[in-house]
Every structure is written in structure tokens, then in C-alpha cells.
Amino acid sequence: MGNLLTAVDLRAYYRTVQGEEIKAVDDVSIEVREGEVLGIAGESGCGKSTLASVLAFTVIPPLYVVSGEVRANGTNILALDRETLRREIKGKYISIVPQGAMNSLNPTLRIRNFVVDVLKEHFPEISKEEALQRARERFEALSLPPRILDAYPHQLSGGMKQRTVTVISTLLNPKVLIADEPTSALDVSSQKTVIKLLVELLRRQIIRSVVFITHELPLLRHFADRIAIMYAGKIVEVGPMEDVIFDPLHPYSKLLMSSVLVPEKGIKSKKIEAIPGVPPNLKNPPSGCRFHPRCPSYVEGVCNMAVPPLIEIKPNHKISCFLYGGKDGES
């Protein structure tokens, strides 16, 4: 499978009115492969949603892309002008279901208004009735009742609003769908329904890959193909789902997995442990490995002196930790 999207040495900072920089995404390189679900997990404030904004080109001040590239079909799409991005990339190649999407719908408008706006933005010549017919067919194909188009947002449940926003975000058949915590604030049954919708979109090849951002690791157990773990603006581990969930290697990944309940056999005997300390202030992050102040494997004079490279230690499994590779690649 080829890469549909590749981020290379990506840096995106928030700039305060005092001129300070908050390094929310700092030297991140990651690829999104065709046909896969890439899960991105980590504590709140680690940079997941900021990374989603950069990949989906929804960056607005005070967030700025400082450096790096986002490549699609060999082109750095960060370098494209706004009109080209709007016409060829946004919604068509990359689309996003933003965090809190079910609360982003204007309560004074019917769902049909959002559908028509999306389609007319990209196809000005399309009539209102053609746009609504296209939406009805898509809703029916994905087992959502077309009567939703005549409803106001407040008439829909939270789960139905989330599914509706997801369908609207994929009306143009984007290759990559970025879902930023689409199951937050939903009950378990609604979470399952949203996941099923994403699986159906992939099965029908309406979309070709999903970047699924969450802090609920158990969700990724039955959905993701690969998982990337973020900490303090950096990717610290990325690998196949089975490896990251059941055999995490980075000290942070291990602690993250030990801090959540996973519905598996033997759960009653599992001891849940909190991660010691708190995430760092990204205005002034720790030197070296950003996890070293909280790390049980911290080595003075090593972990605090240099940033460990993200190296592949086994097929498709990369780690950023001096336990697995030194400054010169030595273990």
C-alpha cells in the first residue's frame, strides 16, 4: 500500500500575544497509508488535535506552521495557494470531522442547508435539488434516514449528529478522513455506531484511509491497523496495533496502557496505575527526551541531554527512546 499522506519534520507552534511560542507539534514525521486506520493516542494536551488541524489545513492564528512538509502524490500541499487548496484538496483529498463536531452545527439551520453549502462550495453549478438528491442517496447507502435532512440539529441525538457530520464531511469522497475524537462524550452504544459508520465508509471505498485521534485506547483495539503515541508534541512510538497495545516498548506507552481498563479476560486482576507527574509546559519543554522527568527508566546525562531519534527497531515499529538506540544508533 502506498502513502496517501506523509508529514515530514512538521513543526506547528501557537504564538502568544507576548511573542512566546508553544511547541504543540515539534518535528513530527508520520505517514498515512492507503486502506488503513491510523490511530493517534496520548494524554490531553499532547498535540493530537493540533496535528489534525495541520494535516487538514484548518490552521488559523494563533497556530502557525513553522516548518516541514505535508506531501500528497509527491507534492508539498502546504506550499499550495489557498484557492488551489480549497478547490483540489480540502474536502476532496483530505476532510476532517473536527473535535466537538456534533456541537458545531448552527442550531438555526436545517441539516439540508449544510449539505447544500458543502456541495455548492465545490460545484457552484449544482442545483439545490441535485445537491439534496445526492445527499439522500448517500444517507440511504449508509443506513441513515434521509428525513434527517429536514431536521434541525437540536432534534437529533448526540450520536446521530456525529454520524450526520461524518457523512457531510465525506460527501466529496475524500481519500483521507481525519476524525478528531469523534466518539468523545458519546455513550458506548453510540461510539460503536460511529465506528461502524467509519468502517462502512472504508468498505465502500468512499474514503481510503482514516486518521482516528482519541485518548480512549480501548477503542483502537478493534479498529486501528497502526497506532502512533504522541507525547508533548512528538511521536514517541508508532507501530502495528497488536504490538503497541499488547507489547508497548516506549516507557510512556507502557505507562499509558497500564493506566486504562481494557475489556479483556483477567480484567479483575489488573492493577490500574496512574502515570506519575504531569505533562510538561510546551512553552518551555524539558531538554532532551521530553518524557524524562516522568520516566522510570531515566538515565542522568543521557535522556536529558539529547532528543532520541525515532528509529525502526523491527518491521514497521519505530521508537524514540535511548533504551533502543543511542545518539549514534547504538543500543
C-alpha atoms as a PDB file:
ATOM      1  CA  MET A   1       0.000   0.000   0.000  1.00  0.00           C
ATOM      2  CA  GLY A   2       1.280   3.461  -0.862  1.00  0.00           C
ATOM      3  CA  ASN A   3       1.211   6.531   1.331  1.00  0.00           C
ATOM      4  CA  LEU A   4      -1.741   8.829   0.773  1.00  0.00           C
ATOM      5  CA  LEU A   5      -0.314  11.473   3.078  1.00  0.00           C
ATOM      6  CA  THR A   6       3.147  11.979   4.554  1.00  0.00           C
ATOM      7  CA  ALA A   7       4.173  14.543   7.161  1.00  0.00           C
ATOM      8  CA  VAL A   8       7.901  15.312   7.199  1.00  0.00           C
ATOM      9  CA  ASP A   9       9.666  17.196  10.034  1.00  0.00           C
ATOM     10  CA  LEU A  10       6.450  19.058  10.801  1.00  0.00           C
ATOM     11  CA  ARG A  11       6.524  21.912  13.323  1.00  0.00           C
ATOM     12  CA  ALA A  12       3.411  23.901  14.278  1.00  0.00           C
ATOM     13  CA  TYR A  13       3.503  26.395  17.144  1.00  0.00           C
ATOM     14  CA  TYR A  14       0.999  28.632  18.892  1.00  0.00           C
ATOM     15  CA  ARG A  15       2.225  32.206  19.321  1.00  0.00           C
ATOM     16  CA  THR A  16       1.003  34.212  22.294  1.00  0.00           C
ATOM     17  CA  VAL A  17       0.464  37.983  22.350  1.00  0.00           C
ATOM     18  CA  GLN A  18       3.681  38.183  24.377  1.00  0.00           C
ATOM     19  CA  GLY A  19       5.588  36.601  21.491  1.00  0.00           C
ATOM     20  CA  GLU A  20       6.122  33.248  23.203  1.00  0.00           C
ATOM     21  CA  GLU A  21       5.900  30.001  21.228  1.00  0.00           C
ATOM     22  CA  ILE A  22       4.025  26.914  22.412  1.00  0.00           C
ATOM     23  CA  LYS A  23       5.535  23.936  20.593  1.00  0.00           C
ATOM     24  CA  ALA A  24       2.390  21.862  20.119  1.00  0.00           C
ATOM     25  CA  VAL A  25       3.732  19.834  17.160  1.00  0.00           C
ATOM     26  CA  ASP A  26       7.503  19.661  17.124  1.00  0.00           C
ATOM     27  CA  ASP A  27       9.417  17.728  14.457  1.00  0.00           C
ATOM     28  CA  VAL A  28       6.732  15.151  13.661  1.00  0.00           C
ATOM     29  CA  SER A  29       7.125  12.749  10.740  1.00  0.00           C
ATOM     30  CA  ILE A  30       4.371  10.236  10.011  1.00  0.00           C
ATOM     31  CA  GLU A  31       2.700   8.577   7.040  1.00  0.00           C
ATOM     32  CA  VAL A  32      -0.925   7.684   6.348  1.00  0.00           C
ATOM     33  CA  ARG A  33      -1.166   4.566   4.216  1.00  0.00           C
ATOM     34  CA  GLU A  34      -3.911   3.635   1.789  1.00  0.00           C
ATOM     35  CA  GLY A  35      -6.534   1.291   3.199  1.00  0.00           C
ATOM     36  CA  GLU A  36      -5.549   1.671   6.854  1.00  0.00           C
ATOM     37  CA  VAL A  37      -6.855   3.185  10.055  1.00  0.00           C
ATOM     38  CA  LEU A  38      -4.072   5.075  11.802  1.00  0.00           C
ATOM     39  CA  GLY A  39      -4.833   5.704  15.460  1.00  0.00           C
ATOM     40  CA  ILE A  40      -3.158   8.616  17.250  1.00  0.00           C
ATOM     41  CA  ALA A  41      -3.330   8.458  21.038  1.00  0.00           C
ATOM     42  CA  GLY A  42      -1.915  10.276  24.030  1.00  0.00           C
ATOM     43  CA  GLU A  43      -2.832  12.376  27.037  1.00  0.00           C
ATOM     44  CA  SER A  44      -4.843  15.565  26.646  1.00  0.00           C
ATOM     45  CA  GLY A  45      -2.651  18.447  25.521  1.00  0.00           C
ATOM     46  CA  CYS A  46      -0.054  16.284  23.762  1.00  0.00           C
ATOM     47  CA  GLY A  47      -0.679  17.860  20.328  1.00  0.00           C
ATOM     48  CA  LYS A  48      -3.081  15.376  18.702  1.00  0.00           C
ATOM     49  CA  SER A  49      -5.727  17.900  17.663  1.00  0.00           C
ATOM     50  CA  THR A  50      -3.092  20.403  16.547  1.00  0.00           C
ATOM     51  CA  LEU A  51      -1.572  17.752  14.280  1.00  0.00           C
ATOM     52  CA  ALA A  52      -5.063  17.065  12.897  1.00  0.00           C
ATOM     53  CA  SER A  53      -5.536  20.768  12.138  1.00  0.00           C
ATOM     54  CA  VAL A  54      -2.257  20.940  10.234  1.00  0.00           C
ATOM     55  CA  LEU A  55      -2.948  17.779   8.224  1.00  0.00           C
ATOM     56  CA  ALA A  56      -6.437  19.027   7.337  1.00  0.00           C
ATOM     57  CA  PHE A  57      -5.369  22.626   6.591  1.00  0.00           C
ATOM     58  CA  THR A  58      -7.634  24.191   9.213  1.00  0.00           C
ATOM     59  CA  VAL A  59      -4.762  26.190  10.704  1.00  0.00           C
ATOM     60  CA  ILE A  60      -5.764  29.654  11.899  1.00  0.00           C
ATOM     61  CA  PRO A  61      -3.850  32.072  14.163  1.00  0.00           C
ATOM     62  CA  PRO A  62      -2.560  31.868  16.810  1.00  0.00           C
ATOM     63  CA  LEU A  63      -1.490  28.494  15.338  1.00  0.00           C
ATOM     64  CA  TYR A  64       1.225  28.705  12.667  1.00  0.00           C
ATOM     65  CA  VAL A  65       3.084  26.081  10.649  1.00  0.00           C
ATOM     66  CA  VAL A  66       6.738  26.898  11.307  1.00  0.00           C
ATOM     67  CA  SER A  67       8.411  24.327   9.068  1.00  0.00           C
ATOM     68  CA  GLY A  68       8.074  20.912   7.471  1.00  0.00           C
ATOM     69  CA  GLU A  69       6.035  19.399   4.673  1.00  0.00           C
ATOM     70  CA  VAL A  70       2.781  17.514   4.154  1.00  0.00           C
ATOM     71  CA  ARG A  71       3.087  15.517   0.946  1.00  0.00           C
ATOM     72  CA  ALA A  72       0.354  14.042  -1.224  1.00  0.00           C
ATOM     73  CA  ASN A  73       1.208  12.439  -4.569  1.00  0.00           C
ATOM     74  CA  GLY A  74       4.737  13.831  -4.227  1.00  0.00           C
ATOM     75  CA  THR A  75       3.550  17.431  -3.774  1.00  0.00           C
ATOM     76  CA  ASN A  76       4.066  19.514  -0.647  1.00  0.00           C
ATOM     77  CA  ILE A  77       0.496  20.711  -0.264  1.00  0.00           C
ATOM     78  CA  LEU A  78       1.466  23.158   2.467  1.00  0.00           C
ATOM     79  CA  ALA A  79       3.059  25.209  -0.299  1.00  0.00           C
ATOM     80  CA  LEU A  80      -0.120  25.444  -2.383  1.00  0.00           C
ATOM     81  CA  ASP A  81      -2.073  28.675  -2.545  1.00  0.00           C
ATOM     82  CA  ARG A  82      -5.419  28.983  -0.763  1.00  0.00           C
ATOM     83  CA  GLU A  83      -7.526  28.732  -3.908  1.00  0.00           C
ATOM     84  CA  THR A  84      -5.822  25.508  -5.026  1.00  0.00           C
ATOM     85  CA  LEU A  85      -6.192  24.067  -1.530  1.00  0.00           C
ATOM     86  CA  ARG A  86      -9.891  24.946  -1.482  1.00  0.00           C
ATOM     87  CA  ARG A  87     -10.555  23.663  -4.993  1.00  0.00           C
ATOM     88  CA  GLU A  88      -8.472  20.476  -5.079  1.00  0.00           C
ATOM     89  CA  ILE A  89      -7.515  19.393  -1.552  1.00  0.00           C
ATOM     90  CA  LYS A  90      -9.971  20.402   1.176  1.00  0.00           C
ATOM     91  CA  GLY A  91     -12.941  18.075   1.265  1.00  0.00           C
ATOM     92  CA  LYS A  92     -11.808  16.225  -1.862  1.00  0.00           C
ATOM     93  CA  TYR A  93      -8.425  14.788  -0.895  1.00  0.00           C
ATOM     94  CA  ILE A  94      -8.487  15.447   2.849  1.00  0.00           C
ATOM     95  CA  SER A  95     -11.503  16.053   5.054  1.00  0.00           C
ATOM     96  CA  ILE A  96     -11.895  16.376   8.807  1.00  0.00           C
ATOM     97  CA  VAL A  97     -14.501  15.603  11.420  1.00  0.00           C
ATOM     98  CA  PRO A  98     -13.401  18.203  13.984  1.00  0.00           C
ATOM     99  CA  GLN A  99     -13.352  17.756  17.731  1.00  0.00           C
ATOM    100  CA  GLY A 100     -16.769  18.558  19.156  1.00  0.00           C
ATOM    101  CA  ALA A 101     -18.282  18.231  15.690  1.00  0.00           C
ATOM    102  CA  MET A 102     -21.769  17.456  16.962  1.00  0.00           C
ATOM    103  CA  ASN A 103     -21.849  20.864  18.667  1.00  0.00           C
ATOM    104  CA  SER A 104     -20.557  22.767  15.628  1.00  0.00           C
ATOM    105  CA  LEU A 105     -23.811  22.757  13.665  1.00  0.00           C
ATOM    106  CA  ASN A 106     -25.672  26.075  13.555  1.00  0.00           C
ATOM    107  CA  PRO A 107     -28.880  25.406  15.565  1.00  0.00           C
ATOM    108  CA  THR A 108     -30.920  27.818  13.395  1.00  0.00           C
ATOM    109  CA  LEU A 109     -30.338  25.896  10.156  1.00  0.00           C
ATOM    110  CA  ARG A 110     -31.646  22.562   8.932  1.00  0.00           C
ATOM    111  CA  ILE A 111     -29.188  19.808   8.008  1.00  0.00           C
ATOM    112  CA  ARG A 112     -30.122  20.317   4.344  1.00  0.00           C
ATOM    113  CA  ASN A 113     -28.540  23.794   4.467  1.00  0.00           C
ATOM    114  CA  PHE A 114     -25.150  22.387   5.456  1.00  0.00           C
ATOM    115  CA  VAL A 115     -25.293  19.785   2.689  1.00  0.00           C
ATOM    116  CA  VAL A 116     -26.100  22.349   0.010  1.00  0.00           C
ATOM    117  CA  ASP A 117     -23.361  24.702   1.257  1.00  0.00           C
ATOM    118  CA  VAL A 118     -20.709  21.961   1.112  1.00  0.00           C
ATOM    119  CA  LEU A 119     -21.601  20.843  -2.417  1.00  0.00           C
ATOM    120  CA  LYS A 120     -22.055  24.325  -3.850  1.00  0.00           C
ATOM    121  CA  GLU A 121     -18.663  25.382  -2.452  1.00  0.00           C
ATOM    122  CA  HIS A 122     -17.010  22.853  -4.765  1.00  0.00           C
ATOM    123  CA  PHE A 123     -19.624  22.594  -7.519  1.00  0.00           C
ATOM    124  CA  PRO A 124     -21.152  26.083  -7.960  1.00  0.00           C
ATOM    125  CA  GLU A 125     -23.194  24.894 -10.913  1.00  0.00           C
ATOM    126  CA  ILE A 126     -25.066  22.215  -8.942  1.00  0.00           C
ATOM    127  CA  SER A 127     -28.703  22.987  -8.157  1.00  0.00           C
ATOM    128  CA  LYS A 128     -30.152  22.790  -4.672  1.00  0.00           C
ATOM    129  CA  GLU A 129     -32.341  19.822  -5.591  1.00  0.00           C
ATOM    130  CA  GLU A 130     -29.408  17.949  -7.179  1.00  0.00           C
ATOM    131  CA  ALA A 131     -27.353  18.513  -4.028  1.00  0.00           C
ATOM    132  CA  LEU A 132     -30.153  17.233  -1.800  1.00  0.00           C
ATOM    133  CA  GLN A 133     -30.744  14.193  -4.004  1.00  0.00           C
ATOM    134  CA  ARG A 134     -27.062  13.331  -3.858  1.00  0.00           C
ATOM    135  CA  ALA A 135     -27.191  13.652  -0.071  1.00  0.00           C
ATOM    136  CA  ARG A 136     -30.336  11.490   0.176  1.00  0.00           C
ATOM    137  CA  GLU A 137     -28.643   8.727  -1.798  1.00  0.00           C
ATOM    138  CA  ARG A 138     -25.548   8.890   0.421  1.00  0.00           C
ATOM    139  CA  PHE A 139     -27.619   8.848   3.626  1.00  0.00           C
ATOM    140  CA  GLU A 140     -29.626   5.845   2.411  1.00  0.00           C
ATOM    141  CA  ALA A 141     -26.476   3.997   1.329  1.00  0.00           C
ATOM    142  CA  LEU A 142     -25.060   4.407   4.836  1.00  0.00           C
ATOM    143  CA  SER A 143     -28.296   3.416   6.599  1.00  0.00           C
ATOM    144  CA  LEU A 144     -29.169   6.896   7.831  1.00  0.00           C
ATOM    145  CA  PRO A 145     -32.781   8.040   7.285  1.00  0.00           C
ATOM    146  CA  PRO A 146     -32.971  10.819   4.654  1.00  0.00           C
ATOM    147  CA  ARG A 147     -35.553  12.627   6.839  1.00  0.00           C
ATOM    148  CA  ILE A 148     -32.536  13.849   8.837  1.00  0.00           C
ATOM    149  CA  LEU A 149     -32.014  16.423   6.083  1.00  0.00           C
ATOM    150  CA  ASP A 150     -35.198  18.216   7.175  1.00  0.00           C
ATOM    151  CA  ALA A 151     -34.251  18.248  10.869  1.00  0.00           C
ATOM    152  CA  TYR A 152     -32.628  20.927  12.975  1.00  0.00           C
ATOM    153  CA  PRO A 153     -29.523  19.880  14.952  1.00  0.00           C
ATOM    154  CA  HIS A 154     -31.352  20.035  18.299  1.00  0.00           C
ATOM    155  CA  GLN A 155     -33.800  17.406  17.034  1.00  0.00           C
ATOM    156  CA  LEU A 156     -31.034  14.818  16.700  1.00  0.00           C
ATOM    157  CA  SER A 157     -29.339  12.776  19.404  1.00  0.00           C
ATOM    158  CA  GLY A 158     -25.637  13.219  20.042  1.00  0.00           C
ATOM    159  CA  GLY A 159     -24.751  10.025  18.213  1.00  0.00           C
ATOM    160  CA  MET A 160     -26.950  10.897  15.236  1.00  0.00           C
ATOM    161  CA  LYS A 161     -25.428  14.386  14.992  1.00  0.00           C
ATOM    162  CA  GLN A 162     -21.943  12.863  14.997  1.00  0.00           C
ATOM    163  CA  ARG A 163     -22.859  10.429  12.223  1.00  0.00           C
ATOM    164  CA  THR A 164     -24.523  13.212  10.236  1.00  0.00           C
ATOM    165  CA  VAL A 165     -21.430  15.434  10.433  1.00  0.00           C
ATOM    166  CA  THR A 166     -19.290  12.458   9.368  1.00  0.00           C
ATOM    167  CA  VAL A 167     -21.462  11.829   6.296  1.00  0.00           C
ATOM    168  CA  ILE A 168     -21.420  15.526   5.345  1.00  0.00           C
ATOM    169  CA  SER A 169     -17.614  15.544   5.711  1.00  0.00           C
ATOM    170  CA  THR A 170     -17.343  12.666   3.232  1.00  0.00           C
ATOM    171  CA  LEU A 171     -19.805  13.820   0.549  1.00  0.00           C
ATOM    172  CA  LEU A 172     -16.888  14.558  -1.800  1.00  0.00           C
ATOM    173  CA  ASN A 173     -15.295  11.114  -1.293  1.00  0.00           C
ATOM    174  CA  PRO A 174     -12.015  12.311   0.277  1.00  0.00           C
ATOM    175  CA  LYS A 175      -9.090   9.940   0.219  1.00  0.00           C
ATOM    176  CA  VAL A 176      -8.128  10.724   3.838  1.00  0.00           C
ATOM    177  CA  LEU A 177     -10.629  11.369   6.630  1.00  0.00           C
ATOM    178  CA  ILE A 178      -9.240  12.818   9.850  1.00  0.00           C
ATOM    179  CA  ALA A 179     -11.579  12.037  12.746  1.00  0.00           C
ATOM    180  CA  ASP A 180     -10.612  14.109  15.789  1.00  0.00           C
ATOM    181  CA  GLU A 181     -12.055  12.383  18.861  1.00  0.00           C
ATOM    182  CA  PRO A 182     -15.356  11.599  17.099  1.00  0.00           C
ATOM    183  CA  THR A 183     -16.585   9.404  19.967  1.00  0.00           C
ATOM    184  CA  SER A 184     -15.949  11.803  22.857  1.00  0.00           C
ATOM    185  CA  ALA A 185     -18.988  12.469  25.072  1.00  0.00           C
ATOM    186  CA  LEU A 186     -20.892   9.568  23.471  1.00  0.00           C
ATOM    187  CA  ASP A 187     -22.199   6.514  25.288  1.00  0.00           C
ATOM    188  CA  VAL A 188     -20.753   3.102  24.447  1.00  0.00           C
ATOM    189  CA  SER A 189     -23.616   2.199  22.088  1.00  0.00           C
ATOM    190  CA  SER A 190     -23.257   5.469  20.133  1.00  0.00           C
ATOM    191  CA  GLN A 191     -19.476   5.028  19.988  1.00  0.00           C
ATOM    192  CA  LYS A 192     -19.970   1.611  18.403  1.00  0.00           C
ATOM    193  CA  THR A 193     -22.366   3.074  15.823  1.00  0.00           C
ATOM    194  CA  VAL A 194     -19.895   5.802  14.830  1.00  0.00           C
ATOM    195  CA  ILE A 195     -17.105   3.230  14.469  1.00  0.00           C
ATOM    196  CA  LYS A 196     -19.353   1.055  12.293  1.00  0.00           C
ATOM    197  CA  LEU A 197     -20.046   4.059  10.052  1.00  0.00           C
ATOM    198  CA  LEU A 198     -16.318   4.694   9.556  1.00  0.00           C
ATOM    199  CA  VAL A 199     -15.758   1.013   8.775  1.00  0.00           C
ATOM    200  CA  GLU A 200     -18.595   1.133   6.215  1.00  0.00           C
ATOM    201  CA  LEU A 201     -17.124   4.246   4.577  1.00  0.00           C
ATOM    202  CA  LEU A 202     -13.842   2.361   4.171  1.00  0.00           C
ATOM    203  CA  ARG A 203     -15.522  -0.813   2.958  1.00  0.00           C
ATOM    204  CA  ARG A 204     -17.407   1.074   0.261  1.00  0.00           C
ATOM    205  CA  GLN A 205     -14.203   2.973  -0.623  1.00  0.00           C
ATOM    206  CA  ILE A 206     -15.956   6.286  -0.126  1.00  0.00           C
ATOM    207  CA  ILE A 207     -12.815   7.108   1.823  1.00  0.00           C
ATOM    208  CA  ARG A 208      -9.451   5.344   1.505  1.00  0.00           C
ATOM    209  CA  SER A 209      -7.957   5.803   4.972  1.00  0.00           C
ATOM    210  CA  VAL A 210      -8.798   7.169   8.417  1.00  0.00           C
ATOM    211  CA  VAL A 211      -6.684   9.046  10.932  1.00  0.00           C
ATOM    212  CA  PHE A 212      -8.512   8.361  14.194  1.00  0.00           C
ATOM    213  CA  ILE A 213      -7.489  10.622  17.076  1.00  0.00           C
ATOM    214  CA  THR A 214      -8.504   9.608  20.570  1.00  0.00           C
ATOM    215  CA  HIS A 215      -7.426   9.314  24.178  1.00  0.00           C
ATOM    216  CA  GLU A 216      -9.568   6.169  24.573  1.00  0.00           C
ATOM    217  CA  LEU A 217      -7.081   3.432  23.767  1.00  0.00           C
ATOM    218  CA  PRO A 218      -9.566   0.520  24.101  1.00  0.00           C
ATOM    219  CA  LEU A 219     -11.422   1.894  21.046  1.00  0.00           C
ATOM    220  CA  LEU A 220      -8.325   1.368  18.905  1.00  0.00           C
ATOM    221  CA  ARG A 221      -8.080  -2.283  19.937  1.00  0.00           C
ATOM    222  CA  HIS A 222     -10.775  -3.362  17.444  1.00  0.00           C
ATOM    223  CA  PHE A 223     -10.435  -0.626  14.842  1.00  0.00           C
ATOM    224  CA  ALA A 224      -6.900   0.581  14.128  1.00  0.00           C
ATOM    225  CA  ASP A 225      -4.261  -1.040  11.933  1.00  0.00           C
ATOM    226  CA  ARG A 226      -1.397   1.075  13.322  1.00  0.00           C
ATOM    227  CA  ILE A 227      -1.113   3.300  16.385  1.00  0.00           C
ATOM    228  CA  ALA A 228       1.073   6.349  16.926  1.00  0.00           C
ATOM    229  CA  ILE A 229       1.653   7.503  20.508  1.00  0.00           C
ATOM    230  CA  MET A 230       2.187  11.248  20.993  1.00  0.00           C
ATOM    231  CA  TYR A 231       3.760  12.938  23.982  1.00  0.00           C
ATOM    232  CA  ALA A 232       4.420  16.668  24.401  1.00  0.00           C
ATOM    233  CA  GLY A 233       4.246  17.424  20.686  1.00  0.00           C
ATOM    234  CA  LYS A 234       6.315  14.463  19.486  1.00  0.00           C
ATOM    235  CA  ILE A 235       5.705  10.933  18.206  1.00  0.00           C
ATOM    236  CA  VAL A 236       7.400   8.576  20.665  1.00  0.00           C
ATOM    237  CA  GLU A 237       6.203   5.235  19.274  1.00  0.00           C
ATOM    238  CA  VAL A 238       4.403   4.072  16.152  1.00  0.00           C
ATOM    239  CA  GLY A 239       3.713   0.520  15.122  1.00  0.00           C
ATOM    240  CA  PRO A 240       1.143  -2.190  14.403  1.00  0.00           C
ATOM    241  CA  MET A 241      -1.894  -2.114  16.694  1.00  0.00           C
ATOM    242  CA  GLU A 242      -1.203  -5.518  18.248  1.00  0.00           C
ATOM    243  CA  ASP A 243       2.359  -4.547  19.141  1.00  0.00           C
ATOM    244  CA  VAL A 244       1.545  -1.143  20.615  1.00  0.00           C
ATOM    245  CA  ILE A 245      -1.479  -2.362  22.613  1.00  0.00           C
ATOM    246  CA  PHE A 246      -0.133  -5.672  23.908  1.00  0.00           C
ATOM    247  CA  ASP A 247       3.635  -5.171  23.815  1.00  0.00           C
ATOM    248  CA  PRO A 248       4.404  -1.431  24.048  1.00  0.00           C
ATOM    249  CA  LEU A 249       8.102  -0.606  24.157  1.00  0.00           C
ATOM    250  CA  HIS A 250       8.424   3.089  24.971  1.00  0.00           C
ATOM    251  CA  PRO A 251       8.222   3.770  28.743  1.00  0.00           C
ATOM    252  CA  TYR A 252       5.423   6.279  28.145  1.00  0.00           C
ATOM    253  CA  SER A 253       3.431   3.810  26.033  1.00  0.00           C
ATOM    254  CA  LYS A 254       3.767   1.189  28.765  1.00  0.00           C
ATOM    255  CA  LEU A 255       2.521   3.595  31.432  1.00  0.00           C
ATOM    256  CA  LEU A 256      -0.281   4.811  29.186  1.00  0.00           C
ATOM    257  CA  MET A 257      -1.504   1.252  28.652  1.00  0.00           C
ATOM    258  CA  SER A 258      -1.290   0.456  32.376  1.00  0.00           C
ATOM    259  CA  SER A 259      -3.460   3.480  33.196  1.00  0.00           C
ATOM    260  CA  VAL A 260      -6.560   2.334  31.261  1.00  0.00           C
ATOM    261  CA  LEU A 261      -9.013  -0.517  31.577  1.00  0.00           C
ATOM    262  CA  VAL A 262      -9.172  -2.800  28.560  1.00  0.00           C
ATOM    263  CA  PRO A 263     -12.202  -5.149  28.436  1.00  0.00           C
ATOM    264  CA  GLU A 264     -10.293  -8.404  28.236  1.00  0.00           C
ATOM    265  CA  LYS A 265     -10.204 -11.582  30.314  1.00  0.00           C
ATOM    266  CA  GLY A 266      -8.460 -11.177  33.631  1.00  0.00           C
ATOM    267  CA  ILE A 267      -9.524  -7.545  33.982  1.00  0.00           C
ATOM    268  CA  LYS A 268     -10.408  -8.040  37.664  1.00  0.00           C
ATOM    269  CA  SER A 269      -6.816  -8.946  38.431  1.00  0.00           C
ATOM    270  CA  LYS A 270      -5.314  -5.969  36.578  1.00  0.00           C
ATOM    271  CA  LYS A 271      -3.982  -3.122  38.690  1.00  0.00           C
ATOM    272  CA  ILE A 272      -4.589   0.318  37.236  1.00  0.00           C
ATOM    273  CA  GLU A 273      -1.702   2.720  37.794  1.00  0.00           C
ATOM    274  CA  ALA A 274      -1.615   6.459  37.199  1.00  0.00           C
ATOM    275  CA  ILE A 275       1.261   7.972  35.209  1.00  0.00           C
ATOM    276  CA  PRO A 276       3.430   9.869  37.711  1.00  0.00           C
ATOM    277  CA  GLY A 277       3.822  13.628  37.367  1.00  0.00           C
ATOM    278  CA  VAL A 278       2.116  15.881  34.827  1.00  0.00           C
ATOM    279  CA  PRO A 279       2.718  16.678  31.135  1.00  0.00           C
ATOM    280  CA  PRO A 280       5.277  19.462  30.583  1.00  0.00           C
ATOM    281  CA  ASN A 281       4.595  23.089  29.717  1.00  0.00           C
ATOM    282  CA  LEU A 282       5.163  23.298  25.961  1.00  0.00           C
ATOM    283  CA  LYS A 283       6.300  26.918  26.199  1.00  0.00           C
ATOM    284  CA  ASN A 284       9.424  25.612  27.873  1.00  0.00           C
ATOM    285  CA  PRO A 285       9.603  21.843  27.392  1.00  0.00           C
ATOM    286  CA  PRO A 286      12.277  19.709  29.095  1.00  0.00           C
ATOM    287  CA  SER A 287      15.614  19.309  27.353  1.00  0.00           C
ATOM    288  CA  GLY A 288      16.414  16.016  25.672  1.00  0.00           C
ATOM    289  CA  CYS A 289      13.629  13.462  25.814  1.00  0.00           C
ATOM    290  CA  ARG A 290      10.511  15.334  26.901  1.00  0.00           C
ATOM    291  CA  PHE A 291       9.304  12.369  28.936  1.00  0.00           C
ATOM    292  CA  HIS A 292      12.456  12.063  31.037  1.00  0.00           C
ATOM    293  CA  PRO A 293      11.120  13.936  34.128  1.00  0.00           C
ATOM    294  CA  ARG A 294       8.381  11.284  34.466  1.00  0.00           C
ATOM    295  CA  CYS A 295      10.242   8.268  33.115  1.00  0.00           C
ATOM    296  CA  PRO A 296      11.025   5.278  35.389  1.00  0.00           C
ATOM    297  CA  SER A 297      13.974   4.393  33.109  1.00  0.00           C
ATOM    298  CA  TYR A 298      15.546   7.871  33.142  1.00  0.00           C
ATOM    299  CA  VAL A 299      19.356   7.947  32.867  1.00  0.00           C
ATOM    300  CA  GLU A 300      21.088  11.144  34.016  1.00  0.00           C
ATOM    301  CA  GLY A 301      23.399  12.644  31.418  1.00  0.00           C
ATOM    302  CA  VAL A 302      21.752  10.759  28.566  1.00  0.00           C
ATOM    303  CA  CYS A 303      17.980  11.254  28.487  1.00  0.00           C
ATOM    304  CA  ASN A 304      18.169  14.935  29.456  1.00  0.00           C
ATOM    305  CA  MET A 305      20.969  15.834  27.034  1.00  0.00           C
ATOM    306  CA  ALA A 306      19.655  14.975  23.548  1.00  0.00           C
ATOM    307  CA  VAL A 307      16.416  14.139  21.760  1.00  0.00           C
ATOM    308  CA  PRO A 308      16.298  10.405  20.968  1.00  0.00           C
ATOM    309  CA  PRO A 309      15.742   9.714  17.249  1.00  0.00           C
ATOM    310  CA  LEU A 310      12.664   7.860  16.043  1.00  0.00           C
ATOM    311  CA  ILE A 311      14.245   4.625  14.824  1.00  0.00           C
ATOM    312  CA  GLU A 312      12.811   1.407  13.418  1.00  0.00           C
ATOM    313  CA  ILE A 313      13.714  -1.455  15.720  1.00  0.00           C
ATOM    314  CA  LYS A 314      11.572  -4.081  13.989  1.00  0.00           C
ATOM    315  CA  PRO A 315       9.424  -4.086  10.842  1.00  0.00           C
ATOM    316  CA  ASN A 316       7.001  -1.124  10.850  1.00  0.00           C
ATOM    317  CA  HIS A 317       7.680  -0.408  14.532  1.00  0.00           C
ATOM    318  CA  LYS A 318       9.525   2.793  15.480  1.00  0.00           C
ATOM    319  CA  ILE A 319      10.594   4.031  18.921  1.00  0.00           C
ATOM    320  CA  SER A 320      12.049   7.310  20.136  1.00  0.00           C
ATOM    321  CA  CYS A 321      13.943   6.213  23.239  1.00  0.00           C
ATOM    322  CA  PHE A 322      17.611   5.779  24.163  1.00  0.00           C
ATOM    323  CA  LEU A 323      16.766   2.337  25.585  1.00  0.00           C
ATOM    324  CA  TYR A 324      16.623   1.185  21.959  1.00  0.00           C
ATOM    325  CA  GLY A 325      19.071   3.478  20.203  1.00  0.00           C
ATOM    326  CA  GLY A 326      21.782   5.908  21.294  1.00  0.00           C
ATOM    327  CA  LYS A 327      22.998   9.105  19.705  1.00  0.00           C
ATOM    328  CA  ASP A 328      24.968   7.051  17.208  1.00  0.00           C
ATOM    329  CA  GLY A 329      22.324   4.349  16.791  1.00  0.00           C
ATOM    330  CA  GLU A 330      23.954   2.074  19.397  1.00  0.00           C
ATOM    331  CA  SER A 331      21.709   0.332  21.901  1.00  0.00           C
END
